[in-house]
Amino acid sequence: MSTRNTATSFRARRGHKERSKNFTELEKRTVLELIAHHRDVLRQGRSNNATNRSKQ
């Protein structure tokens, strides 16, 4: 969910055509890192929930 919001805010910051032309490598890398980090957080949250449940 929040990953999509991040992408949307990036998109909203500039014109649509402009973005596709000027989307730099750095920006691409930043977005990919954000998504990867978000995935890691989700994965950790899921595994934590699983371990907590098994302890109870």
PDB file of N, CA and C in Angstrom:
ATOM      1  N   MET A   1       0.829  -1.198   0.000  1.00  0.00           N
ATOM      2  CA  MET A   1       0.000   0.000   0.000  1.00  0.00           C
ATOM      3  C   MET A   1       0.869   1.257   0.000  1.00  0.00           C
ATOM      4  N   SER A   2       1.730   1.385   1.024  1.00  0.00           N
ATOM      5  CA  SER A   2       2.536   2.603   1.118  1.00  0.00           C
ATOM      6  C   SER A   2       3.541   2.683  -0.033  1.00  0.00           C
ATOM      7  N   THR A   3       3.927   1.516  -0.591  1.00  0.00           N
ATOM      8  CA  THR A   3       4.815   1.541  -1.756  1.00  0.00           C
ATOM      9  C   THR A   3       4.124   2.248  -2.914  1.00  0.00           C
ATOM     10  N   ARG A   4       2.851   1.915  -3.121  1.00  0.00           N
ATOM     11  CA  ARG A   4       2.097   2.536  -4.202  1.00  0.00           C
ATOM     12  C   ARG A   4       1.965   4.042  -3.952  1.00  0.00           C
ATOM     13  N   ASN A   5       1.747   4.426  -2.700  1.00  0.00           N
ATOM     14  CA  ASN A   5       1.632   5.846  -2.364  1.00  0.00           C
ATOM     15  C   ASN A   5       2.927   6.579  -2.686  1.00  0.00           C
ATOM     16  N   THR A   6       4.063   5.947  -2.392  1.00  0.00           N
ATOM     17  CA  THR A   6       5.365   6.550  -2.695  1.00  0.00           C
ATOM     18  C   THR A   6       5.489   6.780  -4.193  1.00  0.00           C
ATOM     19  N   ALA A   7       5.159   5.756  -4.971  1.00  0.00           N
ATOM     20  CA  ALA A   7       5.244   5.879  -6.429  1.00  0.00           C
ATOM     21  C   ALA A   7       4.325   6.984  -6.923  1.00  0.00           C
ATOM     22  N   THR A   8       3.145   7.064  -6.349  1.00  0.00           N
ATOM     23  CA  THR A   8       2.176   8.083  -6.761  1.00  0.00           C
ATOM     24  C   THR A   8       2.707   9.475  -6.463  1.00  0.00           C
ATOM     25  N   SER A   9       3.302   9.653  -5.292  1.00  0.00           N
ATOM     26  CA  SER A   9       3.811  10.979  -4.934  1.00  0.00           C
ATOM     27  C   SER A   9       4.971  11.368  -5.854  1.00  0.00           C
ATOM     28  N   PHE A  10       5.804  10.403  -6.231  1.00  0.00           N
ATOM     29  CA  PHE A  10       6.869  10.678  -7.195  1.00  0.00           C
ATOM     30  C   PHE A  10       6.260  11.155  -8.509  1.00  0.00           C
ATOM     31  N   ARG A  11       5.202  10.468  -8.945  1.00  0.00           N
ATOM     32  CA  ARG A  11       4.546  10.780 -10.202  1.00  0.00           C
ATOM     33  C   ARG A  11       3.903  12.169 -10.140  1.00  0.00           C
ATOM     34  N   ALA A  12       3.287  12.480  -8.990  1.00  0.00           N
ATOM     35  CA  ALA A  12       2.538  13.731  -8.869  1.00  0.00           C
ATOM     36  C   ALA A  12       3.466  14.938  -8.869  1.00  0.00           C
ATOM     37  N   ARG A  13       4.724  14.730  -8.513  1.00  0.00           N
ATOM     38  CA  ARG A  13       5.636  15.856  -8.361  1.00  0.00           C
ATOM     39  C   ARG A  13       5.967  16.532  -9.691  1.00  0.00           C
ATOM     40  N   ARG A  14       5.837  15.817 -10.789  1.00  0.00           N
ATOM     41  CA  ARG A  14       6.189  16.396 -12.097  1.00  0.00           C
ATOM     42  C   ARG A  14       5.181  15.956 -13.155  1.00  0.00           C
ATOM     43  N   GLY A  15       5.219  16.611 -14.307  1.00  0.00           N
ATOM     44  CA  GLY A  15       4.312  16.245 -15.395  1.00  0.00           C
ATOM     45  C   GLY A  15       4.572  14.831 -15.877  1.00  0.00           C
ATOM     46  N   HIS A  16       3.551  14.206 -16.426  1.00  0.00           N
ATOM     47  CA  HIS A  16       3.660  12.794 -16.799  1.00  0.00           C
ATOM     48  C   HIS A  16       4.698  12.587 -17.897  1.00  0.00           C
ATOM     49  N   LYS A  17       4.613  13.360 -18.972  1.00  0.00           N
ATOM     50  CA  LYS A  17       5.576  13.242 -20.069  1.00  0.00           C
ATOM     51  C   LYS A  17       6.981  13.580 -19.578  1.00  0.00           C
ATOM     52  N   GLU A  18       7.047  14.662 -18.802  1.00  0.00           N
ATOM     53  CA  GLU A  18       8.326  15.120 -18.273  1.00  0.00           C
ATOM     54  C   GLU A  18       8.994  14.003 -17.483  1.00  0.00           C
ATOM     55  N   ARG A  19       8.213  13.320 -16.659  1.00  0.00           N
ATOM     56  CA  ARG A  19       8.765  12.288 -15.796  1.00  0.00           C
ATOM     57  C   ARG A  19       9.420  11.184 -16.624  1.00  0.00           C
ATOM     58  N   SER A  20       8.723  10.696 -17.627  1.00  0.00           N
ATOM     59  CA  SER A  20       9.260   9.588 -18.406  1.00  0.00           C
ATOM     60  C   SER A  20      10.551   9.993 -19.113  1.00  0.00           C
ATOM     61  N   LYS A  21      10.653  11.276 -19.500  1.00  0.00           N
ATOM     62  CA  LYS A  21      11.873  11.747 -20.157  1.00  0.00           C
ATOM     63  C   LYS A  21      13.024  11.890 -19.167  1.00  0.00           C
ATOM     64  N   ASN A  22      12.728  12.473 -18.010  1.00  0.00           N
ATOM     65  CA  ASN A  22      13.795  12.883 -17.096  1.00  0.00           C
ATOM     66  C   ASN A  22      13.960  11.972 -15.883  1.00  0.00           C
ATOM     67  N   PHE A  23      13.381  10.786 -15.945  1.00  0.00           N
ATOM     68  CA  PHE A  23      13.504   9.877 -14.815  1.00  0.00           C
ATOM     69  C   PHE A  23      14.941   9.366 -14.755  1.00  0.00           C
ATOM     70  N   THR A  24      15.730   9.903 -13.820  1.00  0.00           N
ATOM     71  CA  THR A  24      17.162   9.620 -13.795  1.00  0.00           C
ATOM     72  C   THR A  24      17.453   8.271 -13.163  1.00  0.00           C
ATOM     73  N   GLU A  25      18.680   7.788 -13.387  1.00  0.00           N
ATOM     74  CA  GLU A  25      19.104   6.520 -12.791  1.00  0.00           C
ATOM     75  C   GLU A  25      19.026   6.585 -11.272  1.00  0.00           C
ATOM     76  N   LEU A  26      19.424   7.734 -10.713  1.00  0.00           N
ATOM     77  CA  LEU A  26      19.403   7.887  -9.257  1.00  0.00           C
ATOM     78  C   LEU A  26      17.983   7.734  -8.728  1.00  0.00           C
ATOM     79  N   GLU A  27      17.024   8.383  -9.393  1.00  0.00           N
ATOM     80  CA  GLU A  27      15.633   8.276  -8.955  1.00  0.00           C
ATOM     81  C   GLU A  27      15.153   6.836  -9.061  1.00  0.00           C
ATOM     82  N   LYS A  28      15.473   6.174 -10.168  1.00  0.00           N
ATOM     83  CA  LYS A  28      15.079   4.774 -10.337  1.00  0.00           C
ATOM     84  C   LYS A  28      15.623   3.943  -9.192  1.00  0.00           C
ATOM     85  N   ARG A  29      16.919   4.142  -8.891  1.00  0.00           N
ATOM     86  CA  ARG A  29      17.566   3.371  -7.835  1.00  0.00           C
ATOM     87  C   ARG A  29      16.877   3.640  -6.498  1.00  0.00           C
ATOM     88  N   THR A  30      16.565   4.920  -6.240  1.00  0.00           N
ATOM     89  CA  THR A  30      15.919   5.283  -4.977  1.00  0.00           C
ATOM     90  C   THR A  30      14.580   4.582  -4.839  1.00  0.00           C
ATOM     91  N   VAL A  31      13.785   4.597  -5.907  1.00  0.00           N
ATOM     92  CA  VAL A  31      12.468   3.947  -5.874  1.00  0.00           C
ATOM     93  C   VAL A  31      12.633   2.453  -5.638  1.00  0.00           C
ATOM     94  N   LEU A  32      13.581   1.836  -6.349  1.00  0.00           N
ATOM     95  CA  LEU A  32      13.797   0.397  -6.185  1.00  0.00           C
ATOM     96  C   LEU A  32      14.217   0.078  -4.760  1.00  0.00           C
ATOM     97  N   GLU A  33      15.097   0.918  -4.183  1.00  0.00           N
ATOM     98  CA  GLU A  33      15.536   0.693  -2.803  1.00  0.00           C
ATOM     99  C   GLU A  33      14.367   0.828  -1.837  1.00  0.00           C
ATOM    100  N   LEU A  34      13.520   1.840  -2.058  1.00  0.00           N
ATOM    101  CA  LEU A  34      12.344   2.025  -1.203  1.00  0.00           C
ATOM    102  C   LEU A  34      11.456   0.792  -1.250  1.00  0.00           C
ATOM    103  N   ILE A  35      11.209   0.290  -2.464  1.00  0.00           N
ATOM    104  CA  ILE A  35      10.337  -0.882  -2.619  1.00  0.00           C
ATOM    105  C   ILE A  35      10.975  -2.093  -1.955  1.00  0.00           C
ATOM    106  N   ALA A  36      12.287  -2.283  -2.171  1.00  0.00           N
ATOM    107  CA  ALA A  36      12.982  -3.423  -1.573  1.00  0.00           C
ATOM    108  C   ALA A  36      12.918  -3.342  -0.051  1.00  0.00           C
ATOM    109  N   HIS A  37      13.152  -2.149   0.491  1.00  0.00           N
ATOM    110  CA  HIS A  37      13.107  -1.955   1.940  1.00  0.00           C
ATOM    111  C   HIS A  37      11.710  -2.250   2.462  1.00  0.00           C
ATOM    112  N   HIS A  38      10.712  -1.768   1.746  1.00  0.00           N
ATOM    113  CA  HIS A  38       9.321  -1.991   2.145  1.00  0.00           C
ATOM    114  C   HIS A  38       9.022  -3.487   2.188  1.00  0.00           C
ATOM    115  N   ARG A  39       9.520  -4.211   1.173  1.00  0.00           N
ATOM    116  CA  ARG A  39       9.309  -5.661   1.126  1.00  0.00           C
ATOM    117  C   ARG A  39       9.958  -6.330   2.329  1.00  0.00           C
ATOM    118  N   ASP A  40      11.181  -5.901   2.663  1.00  0.00           N
ATOM    119  CA  ASP A  40      11.877  -6.477   3.819  1.00  0.00           C
ATOM    120  C   ASP A  40      11.078  -6.253   5.091  1.00  0.00           C
ATOM    121  N   VAL A  41      10.559  -5.046   5.261  1.00  0.00           N
ATOM    122  CA  VAL A  41       9.769  -4.728   6.455  1.00  0.00           C
ATOM    123  C   VAL A  41       8.552  -5.628   6.522  1.00  0.00           C
ATOM    124  N   LEU A  42       7.866  -5.789   5.391  1.00  0.00           N
ATOM    125  CA  LEU A  42       6.681  -6.654   5.353  1.00  0.00           C
ATOM    126  C   LEU A  42       7.061  -8.079   5.739  1.00  0.00           C
ATOM    127  N   ARG A  43       8.180  -8.560   5.170  1.00  0.00           N
ATOM    128  CA  ARG A  43       8.601  -9.937   5.434  1.00  0.00           C
ATOM    129  C   ARG A  43       8.889 -10.114   6.925  1.00  0.00           C
ATOM    130  N   GLN A  44       9.613  -9.142   7.516  1.00  0.00           N
ATOM    131  CA  GLN A  44       9.931  -9.218   8.944  1.00  0.00           C
ATOM    132  C   GLN A  44       8.657  -9.223   9.775  1.00  0.00           C
ATOM    133  N   GLY A  45       7.719  -8.344   9.421  1.00  0.00           N
ATOM    134  CA  GLY A  45       6.457  -8.265  10.144  1.00  0.00           C
ATOM    135  C   GLY A  45       5.731  -9.597  10.107  1.00  0.00           C
ATOM    136  N   ARG A  46       5.715 -10.231   8.942  1.00  0.00           N
ATOM    137  CA  ARG A  46       5.022 -11.512   8.811  1.00  0.00           C
ATOM    138  C   ARG A  46       5.689 -12.576   9.664  1.00  0.00           C
ATOM    139  N   SER A  47       7.017 -12.660   9.600  1.00  0.00           N
ATOM    140  CA  SER A  47       7.713 -13.703  10.358  1.00  0.00           C
ATOM    141  C   SER A  47       7.574 -13.455  11.858  1.00  0.00           C
ATOM    142  N   ASN A  48       7.601 -12.176  12.271  1.00  0.00           N
ATOM    143  CA  ASN A  48       7.416 -11.862  13.685  1.00  0.00           C
ATOM    144  C   ASN A  48       6.043 -12.306  14.157  1.00  0.00           C
ATOM    145  N   ASN A  49       5.022 -12.037  13.351  1.00  0.00           N
ATOM    146  CA  ASN A  49       3.668 -12.458  13.704  1.00  0.00           C
ATOM    147  C   ASN A  49       3.612 -13.971  13.853  1.00  0.00           C
ATOM    148  N   ALA A  50       4.252 -14.675  12.952  1.00  0.00           N
ATOM    149  CA  ALA A  50       4.228 -16.133  12.990  1.00  0.00           C
ATOM    150  C   ALA A  50       4.897 -16.640  14.269  1.00  0.00           C
ATOM    151  N   THR A  51       6.056 -16.088  14.622  1.00  0.00           N
ATOM    152  CA  THR A  51       6.758 -16.558  15.823  1.00  0.00           C
ATOM    153  C   THR A  51       5.963 -16.199  17.071  1.00  0.00           C
ATOM    154  N   ASN A  52       5.373 -15.000  17.090  1.00  0.00           N
ATOM    155  CA  ASN A  52       4.569 -14.607  18.244  1.00  0.00           C
ATOM    156  C   ASN A  52       3.400 -15.559  18.436  1.00  0.00           C
ATOM    157  N   ARG A  53       2.747 -15.925  17.348  1.00  0.00           N
ATOM    158  CA  ARG A  53       1.602 -16.828  17.429  1.00  0.00           C
ATOM    159  C   ARG A  53       2.022 -18.188  17.964  1.00  0.00           C
ATOM    160  N   SER A  54       3.157 -18.688  17.480  1.00  0.00           N
ATOM    161  CA  SER A  54       3.582 -20.024  17.911  1.00  0.00           C
ATOM    162  C   SER A  54       3.976 -20.018  19.389  1.00  0.00           C
ATOM    163  N   LYS A  55       4.522 -18.884  19.875  1.00  0.00           N
ATOM    164  CA  LYS A  55       4.873 -18.789  21.301  1.00  0.00           C
ATOM    165  C   LYS A  55       3.622 -18.855  22.165  1.00  0.00           C
ATOM    166  N   GLN A  56       2.576 -18.148  21.744  1.00  0.00           N
ATOM    167  CA  GLN A  56       1.327 -18.156  22.519  1.00  0.00           C
ATOM    168  C   GLN A  56       0.722 -19.549  22.454  1.00  0.00           C
TER     169      GLN A  56
END
